[in-house]
């Protein structure tokens, strides 16, 4: 009776190497595109219109403890969302 032995490749096969280079190139392009042009200037809210200005103004008028609570809840919601994205099946089932 013969025993099968499997060895893991010491290099990335061509298909995986291409995918890795594509992911690296896309990451570089996205990093270059995400400049300061899309940033919101939070120091000058007078020129910022719409509901975002209202929300940021109301947030600025809150107490420090309430701001901390809102920040913590926002982080917690984002953390749970990222944990749920590890398995997209339930997320798509919930949304869809």
C-alpha atoms as a PDB file:
ATOM      1  CA  UNK A   1       0.000   0.000   0.000  1.00  0.00           C
ATOM      2  CA  UNK A   2       1.381   3.363  -1.016  1.00  0.00           C
ATOM      3  CA  UNK A   3       1.084   6.489   1.084  1.00  0.00           C
ATOM      4  CA  UNK A   4       0.416   9.792  -0.612  1.00  0.00           C
ATOM      5  CA  UNK A   5       2.448  12.758   0.510  1.00  0.00           C
ATOM      6  CA  UNK A   6       1.516  16.298  -0.389  1.00  0.00           C
ATOM      7  CA  UNK A   7       3.942  19.162  -0.429  1.00  0.00           C
ATOM      8  CA  UNK A   8       2.852  22.761  -0.419  1.00  0.00           C
ATOM      9  CA  UNK A   9       4.341  24.866  -3.225  1.00  0.00           C
ATOM     10  CA  UNK A  10       7.199  27.101  -2.204  1.00  0.00           C
ATOM     11  CA  UNK A  11       6.103  29.789  -4.642  1.00  0.00           C
ATOM     12  CA  UNK A  12       2.858  31.281  -5.814  1.00  0.00           C
ATOM     13  CA  UNK A  13       1.514  29.696  -8.984  1.00  0.00           C
ATOM     14  CA  UNK A  14       1.087  32.027 -11.931  1.00  0.00           C
ATOM     15  CA  UNK A  15      -2.650  32.553 -11.402  1.00  0.00           C
ATOM     16  CA  UNK A  16      -2.257  33.424  -7.739  1.00  0.00           C
ATOM     17  CA  UNK A  17       0.743  35.625  -8.462  1.00  0.00           C
ATOM     18  CA  UNK A  18      -1.306  37.547 -11.025  1.00  0.00           C
ATOM     19  CA  UNK A  19      -4.167  37.971  -8.568  1.00  0.00           C
ATOM     20  CA  UNK A  20      -1.778  39.225  -5.900  1.00  0.00           C
ATOM     21  CA  UNK A  21      -0.250  41.753  -8.308  1.00  0.00           C
ATOM     22  CA  UNK A  22      -3.702  42.874  -9.436  1.00  0.00           C
ATOM     23  CA  UNK A  23      -4.808  43.356  -5.818  1.00  0.00           C
ATOM     24  CA  UNK A  24      -1.626  45.309  -5.072  1.00  0.00           C
ATOM     25  CA  UNK A  25      -2.105  47.500  -8.154  1.00  0.00           C
ATOM     26  CA  UNK A  26      -5.762  48.169  -7.310  1.00  0.00           C
ATOM     27  CA  UNK A  27      -4.811  49.020  -3.740  1.00  0.00           C
ATOM     28  CA  UNK A  28      -2.195  51.456  -4.988  1.00  0.00           C
ATOM     29  CA  UNK A  29      -4.643  53.124  -7.388  1.00  0.00           C
ATOM     30  CA  UNK A  30      -7.275  53.436  -4.655  1.00  0.00           C
ATOM     31  CA  UNK A  31      -4.715  54.872  -2.245  1.00  0.00           C
ATOM     32  CA  UNK A  32      -3.654  57.458  -4.818  1.00  0.00           C
ATOM     33  CA  UNK A  33      -7.254  58.397  -5.597  1.00  0.00           C
ATOM     34  CA  UNK A  34      -8.152  58.871  -1.928  1.00  0.00           C
ATOM     35  CA  UNK A  35      -6.562  62.267  -1.551  1.00  0.00           C
ATOM     36  CA  UNK A  36      -7.666  65.365   0.247  1.00  0.00           C
ATOM     37  CA  UNK A  37     -10.084  66.277  -2.546  1.00  0.00           C
ATOM     38  CA  UNK A  38     -12.838  64.144  -1.041  1.00  0.00           C
ATOM     39  CA  UNK A  39     -12.247  65.263   2.534  1.00  0.00           C
ATOM     40  CA  UNK A  40     -14.850  67.307   4.402  1.00  0.00           C
ATOM     41  CA  UNK A  41     -13.554  70.529   5.931  1.00  0.00           C
ATOM     42  CA  UNK A  42     -14.936  70.326   9.459  1.00  0.00           C
ATOM     43  CA  UNK A  43     -13.523  73.704  10.483  1.00  0.00           C
ATOM     44  CA  UNK A  44     -15.728  75.685   8.100  1.00  0.00           C
ATOM     45  CA  UNK A  45     -19.262  74.360   8.485  1.00  0.00           C
ATOM     46  CA  UNK A  46     -20.838  77.561   7.164  1.00  0.00           C
ATOM     47  CA  UNK A  47     -20.065  76.625   3.565  1.00  0.00           C
ATOM     48  CA  UNK A  48     -21.190  73.047   4.082  1.00  0.00           C
ATOM     49  CA  UNK A  49     -24.874  72.680   3.355  1.00  0.00           C
ATOM     50  CA  UNK A  50     -27.561  70.120   3.793  1.00  0.00           C
ATOM     51  CA  UNK A  51     -28.243  67.551   6.471  1.00  0.00           C
ATOM     52  CA  UNK A  52     -24.545  66.851   7.063  1.00  0.00           C
ATOM     53  CA  UNK A  53     -23.973  70.392   8.317  1.00  0.00           C
ATOM     54  CA  UNK A  54     -26.992  70.134  10.617  1.00  0.00           C
ATOM     55  CA  UNK A  55     -25.862  66.791  12.010  1.00  0.00           C
ATOM     56  CA  UNK A  56     -22.294  67.988  12.622  1.00  0.00           C
ATOM     57  CA  UNK A  57     -23.521  71.192  14.257  1.00  0.00           C
ATOM     58  CA  UNK A  58     -25.799  69.235  16.587  1.00  0.00           C
ATOM     59  CA  UNK A  59     -22.958  66.845  17.402  1.00  0.00           C
ATOM     60  CA  UNK A  60     -20.685  69.789  18.241  1.00  0.00           C
ATOM     61  CA  UNK A  61     -23.267  71.146  20.715  1.00  0.00           C
ATOM     62  CA  UNK A  62     -23.528  67.902  22.717  1.00  0.00           C
ATOM     63  CA  UNK A  63     -21.825  67.195  26.029  1.00  0.00           C
ATOM     64  CA  UNK A  64     -18.467  65.402  26.059  1.00  0.00           C
ATOM     65  CA  UNK A  65     -19.871  62.210  27.579  1.00  0.00           C
ATOM     66  CA  UNK A  66     -22.603  61.996  24.958  1.00  0.00           C
ATOM     67  CA  UNK A  67     -20.014  62.484  22.203  1.00  0.00           C
ATOM     68  CA  UNK A  68     -17.965  59.646  23.668  1.00  0.00           C
ATOM     69  CA  UNK A  69     -21.039  57.423  23.852  1.00  0.00           C
ATOM     70  CA  UNK A  70     -21.947  58.176  20.225  1.00  0.00           C
ATOM     71  CA  UNK A  71     -18.366  57.481  19.128  1.00  0.00           C
ATOM     72  CA  UNK A  72     -18.270  54.201  21.033  1.00  0.00           C
ATOM     73  CA  UNK A  73     -21.617  53.071  19.611  1.00  0.00           C
ATOM     74  CA  UNK A  74     -20.494  53.981  16.094  1.00  0.00           C
ATOM     75  CA  UNK A  75     -17.298  51.978  16.573  1.00  0.00           C
ATOM     76  CA  UNK A  76     -19.268  49.042  17.969  1.00  0.00           C
ATOM     77  CA  UNK A  77     -21.690  49.043  15.034  1.00  0.00           C
ATOM     78  CA  UNK A  78     -18.811  49.232  12.546  1.00  0.00           C
ATOM     79  CA  UNK A  79     -16.988  46.421  14.371  1.00  0.00           C
ATOM     80  CA  UNK A  80     -20.061  44.177  14.281  1.00  0.00           C
ATOM     81  CA  UNK A  81     -20.602  44.977  10.597  1.00  0.00           C
ATOM     82  CA  UNK A  82     -17.006  44.078   9.761  1.00  0.00           C
ATOM     83  CA  UNK A  83     -17.273  40.851  11.735  1.00  0.00           C
ATOM     84  CA  UNK A  84     -20.447  39.982   9.838  1.00  0.00           C
ATOM     85  CA  UNK A  85     -18.729  40.645   6.516  1.00  0.00           C
ATOM     86  CA  UNK A  86     -16.348  37.746   7.146  1.00  0.00           C
ATOM     87  CA  UNK A  87     -19.196  35.468   6.129  1.00  0.00           C
ATOM     88  CA  UNK A  88     -21.183  37.158   3.387  1.00  0.00           C
ATOM     89  CA  UNK A  89     -23.926  34.524   3.225  1.00  0.00           C
ATOM     90  CA  UNK A  90     -25.898  35.657   6.291  1.00  0.00           C
ATOM     91  CA  UNK A  91     -25.331  39.311   5.406  1.00  0.00           C
ATOM     92  CA  UNK A  92     -26.754  38.867   1.921  1.00  0.00           C
ATOM     93  CA  UNK A  93     -29.629  36.833   3.332  1.00  0.00           C
ATOM     94  CA  UNK A  94     -30.414  39.584   5.851  1.00  0.00           C
ATOM     95  CA  UNK A  95     -30.155  42.419   3.322  1.00  0.00           C
ATOM     96  CA  UNK A  96     -31.690  40.599   0.367  1.00  0.00           C
END
